[in-house]
């Protein structure tokens, strides 16, 4: 359900994308991402995500604070109504080259040009600094030219303490909600002709839905207002269960289809080489 820079095992993945009108930032998409990671590489490792935005900075990352189960709360809200998918359709100031900063247990690199990442790796602490396959970075440059690439560097001790990754961004297409789901845990570029095993929840939300739409999410009363302002009141979701395989790709749904609550309209989206 993700791409790593070295051999790793990921399980229990939860991904979320919400469409929201924020009172300060306007129309944004909010991404949530969490899994259980086991680093099988000889040294440090990293998780790579591609996001459909050209305007991502450290300020777009949200702290989960004490609420480390925010995505699990969304799953709990939809678990009793979600069904396993039967089938999925296909569809084809001076900025820095790479921004490097710490967020939760990760050292994060943000890059519009993935091939610029190796030159910035010296800024990552040695215990988190991964070996990066140049072919993997070139894959992102070839297939996601308009995206920001997020490299979350971690070691095994980090992975055990990781909270959900939460961030917001101005999307390239406000009316299509997409979560990164390309799969390759070997450190090499993903095989777009392969099928990938799944073990995860895919969740979506929109603040334009009617009051009876989706499953209400219960949050702690003491949740910080800044975080709550980016989170949905209700979500819909689908569980893709262990033992199932799907064509390698991302998950996407149009906002129009999301408003109907028809999760059969979730599609697998495969990148095209530019």
C-alpha atoms as a PDB file:
ATOM      1  CA  UNK A   1       0.000   0.000   0.000  1.00  0.00           C
ATOM      2  CA  UNK A   2       3.051   2.266  -0.194  1.00  0.00           C
ATOM      3  CA  UNK A   3       6.528   2.480  -1.647  1.00  0.00           C
ATOM      4  CA  UNK A   4       9.618   2.121   0.538  1.00  0.00           C
ATOM      5  CA  UNK A   5      13.257   2.846  -0.220  1.00  0.00           C
ATOM      6  CA  UNK A   6      14.332  -0.516   1.206  1.00  0.00           C
ATOM      7  CA  UNK A   7      12.811  -3.873   1.996  1.00  0.00           C
ATOM      8  CA  UNK A   8       9.959  -3.500   4.482  1.00  0.00           C
ATOM      9  CA  UNK A   9       6.664  -5.016   5.571  1.00  0.00           C
ATOM     10  CA  UNK A  10       3.610  -2.784   5.996  1.00  0.00           C
ATOM     11  CA  UNK A  11       0.272  -3.922   7.386  1.00  0.00           C
ATOM     12  CA  UNK A  12      -2.999  -2.530   8.677  1.00  0.00           C
ATOM     13  CA  UNK A  13      -2.831   0.547   6.450  1.00  0.00           C
ATOM     14  CA  UNK A  14      -5.451   3.295   6.770  1.00  0.00           C
ATOM     15  CA  UNK A  15      -5.591   6.056   4.161  1.00  0.00           C
ATOM     16  CA  UNK A  16      -7.965   9.012   4.191  1.00  0.00           C
ATOM     17  CA  UNK A  17      -8.672  11.925   1.874  1.00  0.00           C
ATOM     18  CA  UNK A  18     -11.165  14.658   2.680  1.00  0.00           C
ATOM     19  CA  UNK A  19     -12.401  17.663   0.724  1.00  0.00           C
ATOM     20  CA  UNK A  20     -12.995  20.670   2.914  1.00  0.00           C
ATOM     21  CA  UNK A  21     -13.577  24.413   2.852  1.00  0.00           C
ATOM     22  CA  UNK A  22     -11.277  25.768   5.550  1.00  0.00           C
ATOM     23  CA  UNK A  23     -12.149  29.168   6.967  1.00  0.00           C
ATOM     24  CA  UNK A  24      -8.547  30.396   6.456  1.00  0.00           C
ATOM     25  CA  UNK A  25      -7.095  28.314   3.631  1.00  0.00           C
ATOM     26  CA  UNK A  26     -10.160  27.894   1.426  1.00  0.00           C
ATOM     27  CA  UNK A  27     -10.854  24.682  -0.472  1.00  0.00           C
ATOM     28  CA  UNK A  28      -8.267  22.062   0.494  1.00  0.00           C
ATOM     29  CA  UNK A  29      -7.787  18.310   0.574  1.00  0.00           C
ATOM     30  CA  UNK A  30      -6.672  16.615   3.787  1.00  0.00           C
ATOM     31  CA  UNK A  31      -4.626  13.403   3.722  1.00  0.00           C
ATOM     32  CA  UNK A  32      -4.341  10.892   6.531  1.00  0.00           C
ATOM     33  CA  UNK A  33      -1.962   7.932   6.383  1.00  0.00           C
ATOM     34  CA  UNK A  34      -1.059   5.285   8.951  1.00  0.00           C
ATOM     35  CA  UNK A  35       0.250   1.727   8.984  1.00  0.00           C
ATOM     36  CA  UNK A  36       2.357  -0.705  10.957  1.00  0.00           C
ATOM     37  CA  UNK A  37       5.852  -0.751   9.478  1.00  0.00           C
ATOM     38  CA  UNK A  38       8.633  -3.279   9.981  1.00  0.00           C
ATOM     39  CA  UNK A  39      11.967  -2.304   8.475  1.00  0.00           C
ATOM     40  CA  UNK A  40      13.580  -5.362   6.822  1.00  0.00           C
ATOM     41  CA  UNK A  41      16.466  -3.437   5.262  1.00  0.00           C
ATOM     42  CA  UNK A  42      19.996  -3.594   6.660  1.00  0.00           C
ATOM     43  CA  UNK A  43      19.915   0.107   7.488  1.00  0.00           C
ATOM     44  CA  UNK A  44      17.426   3.005   7.711  1.00  0.00           C
ATOM     45  CA  UNK A  45      14.353   3.099   5.505  1.00  0.00           C
ATOM     46  CA  UNK A  46      11.816   5.580   4.170  1.00  0.00           C
ATOM     47  CA  UNK A  47       8.217   5.656   2.972  1.00  0.00           C
ATOM     48  CA  UNK A  48       7.442   7.618  -0.213  1.00  0.00           C
ATOM     49  CA  UNK A  49       4.114   9.269  -1.012  1.00  0.00           C
ATOM     50  CA  UNK A  50       3.150  11.304  -4.079  1.00  0.00           C
ATOM     51  CA  UNK A  51       0.596  14.054  -3.522  1.00  0.00           C
ATOM     52  CA  UNK A  52      -1.339  15.948  -6.241  1.00  0.00           C
ATOM     53  CA  UNK A  53      -0.176  19.426  -5.264  1.00  0.00           C
ATOM     54  CA  UNK A  54       2.652  21.818  -6.058  1.00  0.00           C
ATOM     55  CA  UNK A  55       2.235  23.829  -2.856  1.00  0.00           C
ATOM     56  CA  UNK A  56       3.452  21.674   0.017  1.00  0.00           C
ATOM     57  CA  UNK A  57       5.579  23.032   2.857  1.00  0.00           C
ATOM     58  CA  UNK A  58       6.250  21.994   6.477  1.00  0.00           C
ATOM     59  CA  UNK A  59       3.359  24.200   7.641  1.00  0.00           C
ATOM     60  CA  UNK A  60       0.910  21.917   5.840  1.00  0.00           C
ATOM     61  CA  UNK A  61       1.706  19.024   8.206  1.00  0.00           C
ATOM     62  CA  UNK A  62      -0.667  18.658  11.163  1.00  0.00           C
ATOM     63  CA  UNK A  63       0.324  17.383  14.570  1.00  0.00           C
ATOM     64  CA  UNK A  64      -1.914  14.617  15.911  1.00  0.00           C
ATOM     65  CA  UNK A  65      -0.937  15.654  19.434  1.00  0.00           C
ATOM     66  CA  UNK A  66      -2.391  13.249  21.990  1.00  0.00           C
ATOM     67  CA  UNK A  67      -4.933  11.886  19.494  1.00  0.00           C
ATOM     68  CA  UNK A  68      -2.888   9.097  17.938  1.00  0.00           C
ATOM     69  CA  UNK A  69      -6.002   7.120  17.020  1.00  0.00           C
ATOM     70  CA  UNK A  70      -7.747   9.699  14.848  1.00  0.00           C
ATOM     71  CA  UNK A  71      -7.785   7.464  11.747  1.00  0.00           C
ATOM     72  CA  UNK A  72      -8.835   4.437  13.780  1.00  0.00           C
ATOM     73  CA  UNK A  73     -11.796   6.508  15.004  1.00  0.00           C
ATOM     74  CA  UNK A  74     -12.807   7.055  11.375  1.00  0.00           C
ATOM     75  CA  UNK A  75     -12.558   3.316  10.707  1.00  0.00           C
ATOM     76  CA  UNK A  76     -14.663   2.582  13.776  1.00  0.00           C
ATOM     77  CA  UNK A  77     -17.323   4.922  12.416  1.00  0.00           C
ATOM     78  CA  UNK A  78     -17.687   3.085   9.110  1.00  0.00           C
ATOM     79  CA  UNK A  79     -16.668  -0.462  10.034  1.00  0.00           C
ATOM     80  CA  UNK A  80     -20.179  -1.762  10.552  1.00  0.00           C
ATOM     81  CA  UNK A  81     -21.350  -0.631   7.104  1.00  0.00           C
ATOM     82  CA  UNK A  82     -18.218  -0.975   4.960  1.00  0.00           C
ATOM     83  CA  UNK A  83     -18.069  -3.919   2.559  1.00  0.00           C
ATOM     84  CA  UNK A  84     -15.163  -5.507   0.745  1.00  0.00           C
ATOM     85  CA  UNK A  85     -14.827  -4.284  -2.818  1.00  0.00           C
ATOM     86  CA  UNK A  86     -16.067  -6.618  -5.549  1.00  0.00           C
ATOM     87  CA  UNK A  87     -14.364  -4.792  -8.408  1.00  0.00           C
ATOM     88  CA  UNK A  88     -12.622  -1.536  -9.233  1.00  0.00           C
ATOM     89  CA  UNK A  89     -12.602   0.496 -12.431  1.00  0.00           C
ATOM     90  CA  UNK A  90      -9.423   1.764 -14.121  1.00  0.00           C
ATOM     91  CA  UNK A  91      -8.547   5.218 -15.365  1.00  0.00           C
ATOM     92  CA  UNK A  92      -5.825   6.019 -16.872  1.00  0.00           C
ATOM     93  CA  UNK A  93      10.367  33.303  -0.990  1.00  0.00           C
ATOM     94  CA  UNK A  94      13.035  31.584  -3.155  1.00  0.00           C
ATOM     95  CA  UNK A  95      11.836  28.004  -3.051  1.00  0.00           C
ATOM     96  CA  UNK A  96      14.291  25.293  -2.025  1.00  0.00           C
ATOM     97  CA  UNK A  97      14.739  22.268  -4.319  1.00  0.00           C
ATOM     98  CA  UNK A  98      14.134  20.006  -1.294  1.00  0.00           C
ATOM     99  CA  UNK A  99      12.649  20.983   2.062  1.00  0.00           C
ATOM    100  CA  UNK A 100      13.885  18.928   5.029  1.00  0.00           C
ATOM    101  CA  UNK A 101      12.301  18.959   8.488  1.00  0.00           C
ATOM    102  CA  UNK A 102      11.309  16.710  11.390  1.00  0.00           C
ATOM    103  CA  UNK A 103       7.677  15.710  11.926  1.00  0.00           C
ATOM    104  CA  UNK A 104       6.667  13.270  14.658  1.00  0.00           C
ATOM    105  CA  UNK A 105       9.128  10.343  14.355  1.00  0.00           C
ATOM    106  CA  UNK A 106      10.054  11.098  10.733  1.00  0.00           C
ATOM    107  CA  UNK A 107      12.611  13.245   9.012  1.00  0.00           C
ATOM    108  CA  UNK A 108      10.632  14.425   5.984  1.00  0.00           C
ATOM    109  CA  UNK A 109      11.913  15.561   2.596  1.00  0.00           C
ATOM    110  CA  UNK A 110       9.570  17.440   0.235  1.00  0.00           C
ATOM    111  CA  UNK A 111      10.547  17.725  -3.405  1.00  0.00           C
ATOM    112  CA  UNK A 112       8.877  18.871  -6.616  1.00  0.00           C
ATOM    113  CA  UNK A 113      11.791  17.204  -8.455  1.00  0.00           C
ATOM    114  CA  UNK A 114      12.457  13.743  -6.957  1.00  0.00           C
ATOM    115  CA  UNK A 115      15.878  13.555  -8.583  1.00  0.00           C
ATOM    116  CA  UNK A 116      17.007  16.418  -6.316  1.00  0.00           C
ATOM    117  CA  UNK A 117      16.454  14.334  -3.154  1.00  0.00           C
ATOM    118  CA  UNK A 118      19.884  12.586  -2.991  1.00  0.00           C
ATOM    119  CA  UNK A 119      21.698  15.919  -2.724  1.00  0.00           C
ATOM    120  CA  UNK A 120      19.661  16.751   0.405  1.00  0.00           C
ATOM    121  CA  UNK A 121      20.086  13.429   2.229  1.00  0.00           C
ATOM    122  CA  UNK A 122      23.048  14.748   4.231  1.00  0.00           C
ATOM    123  CA  UNK A 123      20.485  16.733   6.241  1.00  0.00           C
ATOM    124  CA  UNK A 124      18.827  13.493   7.442  1.00  0.00           C
ATOM    125  CA  UNK A 125      20.283  12.064  10.696  1.00  0.00           C
ATOM    126  CA  UNK A 126      22.457   9.003   9.952  1.00  0.00           C
ATOM    127  CA  UNK A 127      20.194   6.616  11.880  1.00  0.00           C
ATOM    128  CA  UNK A 128      17.306   7.558   9.537  1.00  0.00           C
ATOM    129  CA  UNK A 129      19.205   8.166   6.297  1.00  0.00           C
ATOM    130  CA  UNK A 130      18.067   5.616   3.673  1.00  0.00           C
ATOM    131  CA  UNK A 131      19.792   4.369   0.554  1.00  0.00           C
ATOM    132  CA  UNK A 132      17.787   5.592  -2.421  1.00  0.00           C
ATOM    133  CA  UNK A 133      17.656   3.774  -5.744  1.00  0.00           C
ATOM    134  CA  UNK A 134      18.106   6.401  -8.503  1.00  0.00           C
ATOM    135  CA  UNK A 135      15.692   4.419 -10.702  1.00  0.00           C
ATOM    136  CA  UNK A 136      12.967   4.807  -8.061  1.00  0.00           C
ATOM    137  CA  UNK A 137      13.401   8.573  -7.972  1.00  0.00           C
ATOM    138  CA  UNK A 138      13.436   8.723 -11.771  1.00  0.00           C
ATOM    139  CA  UNK A 139      10.177   6.732 -11.785  1.00  0.00           C
ATOM    140  CA  UNK A 140       8.520   9.494  -9.741  1.00  0.00           C
ATOM    141  CA  UNK A 141      10.013  12.194 -11.959  1.00  0.00           C
ATOM    142  CA  UNK A 142       8.696  10.451 -15.077  1.00  0.00           C
ATOM    143  CA  UNK A 143       5.216   9.552 -13.809  1.00  0.00           C
ATOM    144  CA  UNK A 144       4.292  12.333 -11.344  1.00  0.00           C
ATOM    145  CA  UNK A 145       5.733  15.565 -12.810  1.00  0.00           C
ATOM    146  CA  UNK A 146       3.074  17.797 -11.238  1.00  0.00           C
ATOM    147  CA  UNK A 147       3.175  16.226  -7.770  1.00  0.00           C
ATOM    148  CA  UNK A 148       5.103  16.830  -4.580  1.00  0.00           C
ATOM    149  CA  UNK A 149       7.054  13.789  -3.429  1.00  0.00           C
ATOM    150  CA  UNK A 150       7.100  13.172   0.325  1.00  0.00           C
ATOM    151  CA  UNK A 151       9.928  11.012   1.709  1.00  0.00           C
ATOM    152  CA  UNK A 152       9.350  10.000   5.346  1.00  0.00           C
ATOM    153  CA  UNK A 153      12.619   8.616   6.759  1.00  0.00           C
ATOM    154  CA  UNK A 154      12.468   6.292   9.770  1.00  0.00           C
ATOM    155  CA  UNK A 155      14.169   3.446  11.600  1.00  0.00           C
ATOM    156  CA  UNK A 156      12.565   0.520  13.387  1.00  0.00           C
ATOM    157  CA  UNK A 157      12.432   2.301  16.730  1.00  0.00           C
ATOM    158  CA  UNK A 158      10.686   5.253  15.063  1.00  0.00           C
ATOM    159  CA  UNK A 159       8.112   3.062  13.342  1.00  0.00           C
ATOM    160  CA  UNK A 160       6.870   1.605  16.610  1.00  0.00           C
ATOM    161  CA  UNK A 161       5.983   5.084  17.919  1.00  0.00           C
ATOM    162  CA  UNK A 162       4.605   6.690  14.771  1.00  0.00           C
ATOM    163  CA  UNK A 163       1.345   8.633  14.954  1.00  0.00           C
ATOM    164  CA  UNK A 164      -0.836   9.070  11.865  1.00  0.00           C
ATOM    165  CA  UNK A 165       0.592  11.292   9.176  1.00  0.00           C
ATOM    166  CA  UNK A 166      -1.875  14.172   8.679  1.00  0.00           C
ATOM    167  CA  UNK A 167      -1.484  17.072   6.250  1.00  0.00           C
ATOM    168  CA  UNK A 168      -3.508  19.436   4.093  1.00  0.00           C
ATOM    169  CA  UNK A 169      -2.783  20.891   0.662  1.00  0.00           C
ATOM    170  CA  UNK A 170      -4.309  22.884  -2.216  1.00  0.00           C
ATOM    171  CA  UNK A 171      -5.123  20.096  -4.708  1.00  0.00           C
ATOM    172  CA  UNK A 172      -4.396  20.125  -8.424  1.00  0.00           C
ATOM    173  CA  UNK A 173      -7.982  18.969  -9.023  1.00  0.00           C
ATOM    174  CA  UNK A 174     -10.377  19.933  -6.194  1.00  0.00           C
ATOM    175  CA  UNK A 175     -13.111  17.676  -7.583  1.00  0.00           C
ATOM    176  CA  UNK A 176     -11.127  14.424  -7.534  1.00  0.00           C
ATOM    177  CA  UNK A 177     -10.005  12.862  -4.258  1.00  0.00           C
ATOM    178  CA  UNK A 178      -6.979  10.577  -4.573  1.00  0.00           C
ATOM    179  CA  UNK A 179      -4.902   8.676  -2.033  1.00  0.00           C
ATOM    180  CA  UNK A 180      -1.433   7.323  -2.870  1.00  0.00           C
ATOM    181  CA  UNK A 181      -1.509   3.523  -2.937  1.00  0.00           C
ATOM    182  CA  UNK A 182       1.180   2.362  -5.374  1.00  0.00           C
ATOM    183  CA  UNK A 183       2.925  -0.646  -3.882  1.00  0.00           C
ATOM    184  CA  UNK A 184       6.596  -1.672  -3.791  1.00  0.00           C
ATOM    185  CA  UNK A 185       8.451  -2.710  -0.637  1.00  0.00           C
ATOM    186  CA  UNK A 186      11.768  -3.680  -2.202  1.00  0.00           C
ATOM    187  CA  UNK A 187      13.341  -0.263  -2.706  1.00  0.00           C
ATOM    188  CA  UNK A 188      12.833  -0.470  -6.459  1.00  0.00           C
ATOM    189  CA  UNK A 189      10.320   1.265  -8.707  1.00  0.00           C
ATOM    190  CA  UNK A 190       6.842  -0.296  -8.612  1.00  0.00           C
ATOM    191  CA  UNK A 191       5.799  -2.758 -11.290  1.00  0.00           C
ATOM    192  CA  UNK A 192       2.748  -1.188 -12.948  1.00  0.00           C
ATOM    193  CA  UNK A 193       1.837  -4.488 -14.596  1.00  0.00           C
ATOM    194  CA  UNK A 194       1.677  -6.381 -11.304  1.00  0.00           C
ATOM    195  CA  UNK A 195      -1.118  -6.989  -8.852  1.00  0.00           C
ATOM    196  CA  UNK A 196      -0.586  -5.957  -5.234  1.00  0.00           C
ATOM    197  CA  UNK A 197      -1.817  -7.597  -2.012  1.00  0.00           C
ATOM    198  CA  UNK A 198      -4.039  -5.375   0.135  1.00  0.00           C
ATOM    199  CA  UNK A 199      -4.751  -5.077   3.842  1.00  0.00           C
ATOM    200  CA  UNK A 200      -6.162  -1.634   4.450  1.00  0.00           C
ATOM    201  CA  UNK A 201      -9.023   0.812   4.819  1.00  0.00           C
ATOM    202  CA  UNK A 202      -9.674   3.598   2.299  1.00  0.00           C
ATOM    203  CA  UNK A 203     -11.686   6.518   3.705  1.00  0.00           C
ATOM    204  CA  UNK A 204     -13.136   9.679   2.148  1.00  0.00           C
ATOM    205  CA  UNK A 205     -15.118  12.709   3.286  1.00  0.00           C
ATOM    206  CA  UNK A 206     -16.584  15.988   2.043  1.00  0.00           C
ATOM    207  CA  UNK A 207     -18.056  18.893   3.962  1.00  0.00           C
ATOM    208  CA  UNK A 208     -20.607  19.460   1.171  1.00  0.00           C
ATOM    209  CA  UNK A 209     -22.517  16.250   1.930  1.00  0.00           C
ATOM    210  CA  UNK A 210     -26.038  16.313   3.420  1.00  0.00           C
ATOM    211  CA  UNK A 211     -26.488  15.815   7.158  1.00  0.00           C
ATOM    212  CA  UNK A 212     -27.496  12.149   6.823  1.00  0.00           C
ATOM    213  CA  UNK A 213     -24.458  11.227   4.685  1.00  0.00           C
ATOM    214  CA  UNK A 214     -21.785   8.820   5.895  1.00  0.00           C
ATOM    215  CA  UNK A 215     -20.924   7.650   9.391  1.00  0.00           C
ATOM    216  CA  UNK A 216     -20.391  10.229  12.162  1.00  0.00           C
ATOM    217  CA  UNK A 217     -16.904  10.270  13.703  1.00  0.00           C
ATOM    218  CA  UNK A 218     -16.490  10.710  17.469  1.00  0.00           C
ATOM    219  CA  UNK A 219     -13.434  12.704  18.565  1.00  0.00           C
ATOM    220  CA  UNK A 220     -12.086  13.407  22.060  1.00  0.00           C
ATOM    221  CA  UNK A 221     -13.530  16.515  23.676  1.00  0.00           C
ATOM    222  CA  UNK A 222     -10.061  17.862  24.421  1.00  0.00           C
ATOM    223  CA  UNK A 223      -8.845  17.648  20.802  1.00  0.00           C
ATOM    224  CA  UNK A 224      -7.022  20.806  19.800  1.00  0.00           C
ATOM    225  CA  UNK A 225      -9.136  23.197  17.742  1.00  0.00           C
ATOM    226  CA  UNK A 226      -6.493  23.588  15.027  1.00  0.00           C
ATOM    227  CA  UNK A 227      -6.530  19.852  14.303  1.00  0.00           C
ATOM    228  CA  UNK A 228     -10.323  19.511  14.592  1.00  0.00           C
ATOM    229  CA  UNK A 229     -10.787  22.269  12.000  1.00  0.00           C
ATOM    230  CA  UNK A 230      -9.262  19.965   9.352  1.00  0.00           C
ATOM    231  CA  UNK A 231     -11.152  16.794  10.295  1.00  0.00           C
ATOM    232  CA  UNK A 232     -14.513  15.558   8.985  1.00  0.00           C
ATOM    233  CA  UNK A 233     -17.745  15.163  10.917  1.00  0.00           C
ATOM    234  CA  UNK A 234     -18.601  12.045   8.880  1.00  0.00           C
ATOM    235  CA  UNK A 235     -16.754   9.636   6.598  1.00  0.00           C
ATOM    236  CA  UNK A 236     -17.410   6.781   4.198  1.00  0.00           C
ATOM    237  CA  UNK A 237     -14.985   3.938   3.704  1.00  0.00           C
ATOM    238  CA  UNK A 238     -14.268   0.509   2.336  1.00  0.00           C
ATOM    239  CA  UNK A 239     -12.124  -2.307   3.649  1.00  0.00           C
ATOM    240  CA  UNK A 240      -9.809  -4.109   1.226  1.00  0.00           C
ATOM    241  CA  UNK A 241      -9.060  -7.299   3.129  1.00  0.00           C
ATOM    242  CA  UNK A 242      -5.977  -9.420   3.580  1.00  0.00           C
ATOM    243  CA  UNK A 243      -5.699 -12.096   0.884  1.00  0.00           C
ATOM    244  CA  UNK A 244      -7.207  -9.869  -1.808  1.00  0.00           C
ATOM    245  CA  UNK A 245      -5.076  -8.517  -4.670  1.00  0.00           C
ATOM    246  CA  UNK A 246      -5.692  -5.531  -6.919  1.00  0.00           C
ATOM    247  CA  UNK A 247      -3.891  -4.000  -9.903  1.00  0.00           C
ATOM    248  CA  UNK A 248      -1.079  -1.741  -8.723  1.00  0.00           C
ATOM    249  CA  UNK A 249      -2.217   1.881  -8.502  1.00  0.00           C
ATOM    250  CA  UNK A 250      -3.744   4.655  -6.407  1.00  0.00           C
ATOM    251  CA  UNK A 251      -7.341   4.962  -5.190  1.00  0.00           C
ATOM    252  CA  UNK A 252      -9.468   7.827  -6.523  1.00  0.00           C
ATOM    253  CA  UNK A 253     -13.087   8.982  -6.627  1.00  0.00           C
ATOM    254  CA  UNK A 254     -14.755  12.054  -8.097  1.00  0.00           C
ATOM    255  CA  UNK A 255     -16.420  14.479  -5.716  1.00  0.00           C
ATOM    256  CA  UNK A 256     -19.729  14.003  -7.522  1.00  0.00           C
ATOM    257  CA  UNK A 257     -19.614  10.231  -6.954  1.00  0.00           C
ATOM    258  CA  UNK A 258     -18.496  10.735  -3.357  1.00  0.00           C
ATOM    259  CA  UNK A 259     -21.568  12.857  -2.640  1.00  0.00           C
ATOM    260  CA  UNK A 260     -23.796   9.958  -3.703  1.00  0.00           C
ATOM    261  CA  UNK A 261     -22.021   7.662  -1.249  1.00  0.00           C
ATOM    262  CA  UNK A 262     -21.559   5.038  -3.992  1.00  0.00           C
ATOM    263  CA  UNK A 263     -18.206   3.471  -3.123  1.00  0.00           C
ATOM    264  CA  UNK A 264     -18.421   1.200  -6.161  1.00  0.00           C
ATOM    265  CA  UNK A 265     -17.272   4.323  -7.994  1.00  0.00           C
ATOM    266  CA  UNK A 266     -13.845   4.156  -6.351  1.00  0.00           C
ATOM    267  CA  UNK A 267     -11.330   3.559  -9.132  1.00  0.00           C
ATOM    268  CA  UNK A 268      -7.731   2.398  -9.346  1.00  0.00           C
ATOM    269  CA  UNK A 269      -5.637   5.115 -10.956  1.00  0.00           C
ATOM    270  CA  UNK A 270      -2.391   4.182 -12.689  1.00  0.00           C
ATOM    271  CA  UNK A 271       0.212   6.833 -13.536  1.00  0.00           C
ATOM    272  CA  UNK A 272       1.179   7.512 -17.119  1.00  0.00           C
ATOM    273  CA  UNK A 273       4.720   8.316 -18.213  1.00  0.00           C
ATOM    274  CA  UNK A 274       5.059  11.923 -19.344  1.00  0.00           C
END
